N, C-alpha and C. Protein backbone atom coordinates (compact mmCIF):
# COMPACT_ATOMS: atom_id res chain seq x y z
N MET A 1 15.55 -15.00 16.43
CA MET A 1 16.19 -13.72 16.57
C MET A 1 17.70 -13.94 16.41
N PRO A 2 18.36 -13.14 15.57
CA PRO A 2 19.79 -13.38 15.34
C PRO A 2 20.63 -12.95 16.53
N TYR A 3 21.81 -13.56 16.61
CA TYR A 3 22.78 -13.17 17.63
C TYR A 3 23.43 -11.86 17.23
N GLU A 4 24.04 -11.18 18.18
CA GLU A 4 24.69 -9.91 17.89
C GLU A 4 25.81 -10.13 16.86
N GLY A 5 25.81 -9.30 15.82
CA GLY A 5 26.82 -9.41 14.77
C GLY A 5 26.49 -10.44 13.71
N GLU A 6 25.37 -11.15 13.85
CA GLU A 6 24.99 -12.17 12.87
C GLU A 6 24.01 -11.55 11.87
N PHE A 7 24.26 -11.75 10.59
CA PHE A 7 23.42 -11.19 9.56
C PHE A 7 22.88 -12.29 8.67
N ALA A 8 21.68 -12.08 8.16
CA ALA A 8 21.06 -13.06 7.27
C ALA A 8 21.71 -12.98 5.89
N ASP A 9 21.67 -14.08 5.17
CA ASP A 9 22.19 -14.12 3.81
C ASP A 9 21.03 -13.79 2.88
N TYR A 10 21.16 -12.68 2.15
CA TYR A 10 20.09 -12.23 1.27
C TYR A 10 20.36 -12.61 -0.18
N GLY A 11 21.06 -13.68 -0.41
CA GLY A 11 21.39 -14.12 -1.77
C GLY A 11 20.17 -14.34 -2.65
N PRO A 12 19.16 -15.10 -2.22
CA PRO A 12 17.98 -15.32 -3.07
C PRO A 12 17.25 -14.02 -3.39
N LEU A 13 17.12 -13.13 -2.42
CA LEU A 13 16.45 -11.86 -2.65
C LEU A 13 17.26 -11.00 -3.61
N ARG A 14 18.56 -11.03 -3.48
CA ARG A 14 19.43 -10.27 -4.38
C ARG A 14 19.28 -10.77 -5.81
N ARG A 15 19.16 -12.09 -5.98
CA ARG A 15 18.97 -12.64 -7.33
C ARG A 15 17.66 -12.17 -7.94
N VAL A 16 16.60 -12.09 -7.15
CA VAL A 16 15.31 -11.61 -7.65
C VAL A 16 15.41 -10.15 -8.05
N VAL A 17 16.00 -9.33 -7.20
CA VAL A 17 16.10 -7.89 -7.47
C VAL A 17 16.97 -7.63 -8.70
N ASN A 18 18.01 -8.41 -8.91
CA ASN A 18 18.91 -8.20 -10.04
C ASN A 18 18.42 -8.85 -11.33
N ASP A 19 17.29 -9.54 -11.29
CA ASP A 19 16.75 -10.17 -12.48
C ASP A 19 16.38 -9.11 -13.52
N GLU A 20 16.61 -9.42 -14.78
CA GLU A 20 16.36 -8.47 -15.87
C GLU A 20 14.89 -8.06 -15.94
N ARG A 21 13.96 -9.01 -15.76
CA ARG A 21 12.53 -8.68 -15.82
C ARG A 21 12.11 -7.77 -14.68
N VAL A 22 12.66 -8.00 -13.50
CA VAL A 22 12.35 -7.15 -12.35
C VAL A 22 12.89 -5.74 -12.59
N GLN A 23 14.10 -5.63 -13.12
CA GLN A 23 14.68 -4.32 -13.40
C GLN A 23 13.87 -3.56 -14.44
N LYS A 24 13.38 -4.24 -15.48
CA LYS A 24 12.53 -3.59 -16.48
C LYS A 24 11.24 -3.09 -15.85
N PHE A 25 10.66 -3.90 -14.97
CA PHE A 25 9.43 -3.50 -14.28
C PHE A 25 9.67 -2.26 -13.42
N LEU A 26 10.77 -2.25 -12.68
CA LEU A 26 11.07 -1.11 -11.81
C LEU A 26 11.32 0.16 -12.61
N LYS A 27 11.91 0.04 -13.79
CA LYS A 27 12.17 1.22 -14.61
C LYS A 27 10.89 1.82 -15.17
N ARG A 28 9.88 1.00 -15.46
CA ARG A 28 8.65 1.55 -16.03
C ARG A 28 7.61 1.89 -14.96
N SER A 29 7.84 1.51 -13.72
CA SER A 29 6.89 1.84 -12.66
C SER A 29 7.18 3.23 -12.11
N LYS A 30 6.16 3.81 -11.51
CA LYS A 30 6.28 5.16 -10.96
C LYS A 30 5.97 5.11 -9.47
N PRO A 31 6.68 5.89 -8.67
CA PRO A 31 6.39 5.90 -7.22
C PRO A 31 5.04 6.54 -6.93
N ARG A 32 4.41 6.07 -5.88
CA ARG A 32 3.12 6.64 -5.46
C ARG A 32 3.35 8.03 -4.90
N PRO A 33 2.40 8.93 -5.10
CA PRO A 33 2.55 10.26 -4.53
C PRO A 33 2.41 10.23 -3.01
N GLU A 34 3.01 11.20 -2.36
CA GLU A 34 2.89 11.32 -0.91
C GLU A 34 1.48 11.80 -0.58
N PHE A 35 0.82 11.16 0.37
CA PHE A 35 -0.53 11.53 0.74
C PHE A 35 -0.58 12.45 1.94
N GLY A 36 0.53 12.61 2.61
CA GLY A 36 0.56 13.49 3.77
C GLY A 36 -0.07 12.84 4.99
N ASP A 37 -0.39 13.68 5.94
CA ASP A 37 -0.95 13.17 7.20
C ASP A 37 -2.46 13.32 7.28
N GLY A 38 -3.10 13.83 6.22
CA GLY A 38 -4.55 13.97 6.22
C GLY A 38 -5.04 15.28 6.79
N SER A 39 -4.13 16.16 7.17
CA SER A 39 -4.56 17.42 7.78
C SER A 39 -5.19 18.37 6.77
N ASN A 40 -4.98 18.14 5.48
CA ASN A 40 -5.54 19.03 4.47
C ASN A 40 -6.86 18.51 3.89
N LEU A 41 -7.43 17.49 4.49
CA LEU A 41 -8.71 16.95 4.02
C LEU A 41 -9.86 17.85 4.46
N PRO A 42 -10.90 17.98 3.63
CA PRO A 42 -12.02 18.83 4.03
C PRO A 42 -12.83 18.18 5.15
N PHE A 43 -13.40 19.00 6.01
CA PHE A 43 -14.23 18.52 7.11
C PHE A 43 -15.65 18.31 6.60
N ILE A 44 -16.24 17.16 6.87
CA ILE A 44 -17.61 16.87 6.47
C ILE A 44 -18.46 16.79 7.73
N ASN A 45 -19.46 17.62 7.81
CA ASN A 45 -20.36 17.63 8.95
C ASN A 45 -21.29 16.42 8.85
N PHE A 46 -21.47 15.71 9.94
CA PHE A 46 -22.31 14.53 9.95
C PHE A 46 -23.74 14.84 9.52
N ALA A 47 -24.24 16.00 9.86
CA ALA A 47 -25.62 16.38 9.52
C ALA A 47 -25.79 16.59 8.01
N ASP A 48 -24.69 16.84 7.29
CA ASP A 48 -24.77 17.07 5.85
C ASP A 48 -24.81 15.77 5.03
N ILE A 49 -24.61 14.63 5.67
CA ILE A 49 -24.59 13.35 4.96
C ILE A 49 -26.01 12.81 4.87
N GLU A 50 -26.44 12.54 3.64
CA GLU A 50 -27.78 12.01 3.44
C GLU A 50 -27.77 10.49 3.60
N PRO A 51 -28.83 9.91 4.16
CA PRO A 51 -28.88 8.45 4.32
C PRO A 51 -28.95 7.75 2.96
N SER A 52 -28.40 6.58 2.90
CA SER A 52 -28.39 5.80 1.67
C SER A 52 -29.78 5.23 1.39
N GLN A 53 -30.12 5.09 0.14
CA GLN A 53 -31.38 4.49 -0.26
C GLN A 53 -31.23 3.00 -0.55
N PHE A 54 -30.05 2.45 -0.27
CA PHE A 54 -29.76 1.04 -0.55
C PHE A 54 -30.59 0.14 0.34
N ASN A 55 -31.21 -0.89 -0.28
CA ASN A 55 -31.98 -1.89 0.45
C ASN A 55 -31.52 -3.25 -0.08
N SER A 56 -30.88 -4.04 0.75
CA SER A 56 -30.26 -5.26 0.28
C SER A 56 -31.26 -6.36 -0.05
N ASN A 57 -32.38 -6.46 0.65
CA ASN A 57 -33.36 -7.51 0.45
C ASN A 57 -32.77 -8.91 0.55
N LEU A 58 -31.73 -9.04 1.31
CA LEU A 58 -31.11 -10.35 1.52
C LEU A 58 -31.63 -10.93 2.82
N SER A 59 -31.98 -12.20 2.80
CA SER A 59 -32.39 -12.86 4.04
C SER A 59 -31.46 -14.05 4.28
N ILE A 60 -31.09 -14.19 5.51
CA ILE A 60 -30.15 -15.25 5.86
C ILE A 60 -30.90 -16.39 6.51
């Protein structure tokens, strides 16, 4: 844990961020959409869910 007023040296991280390949990648990437808090998701009643027909047939 650093002492009060002491800051880490971010030189290596700064070099990575300023790299030409990283900058090209950041320019062509797109931010993820906001998903919200989930309050707008539809409610699924447990009784409406049908059981799976999956049978693994695996023996340990």
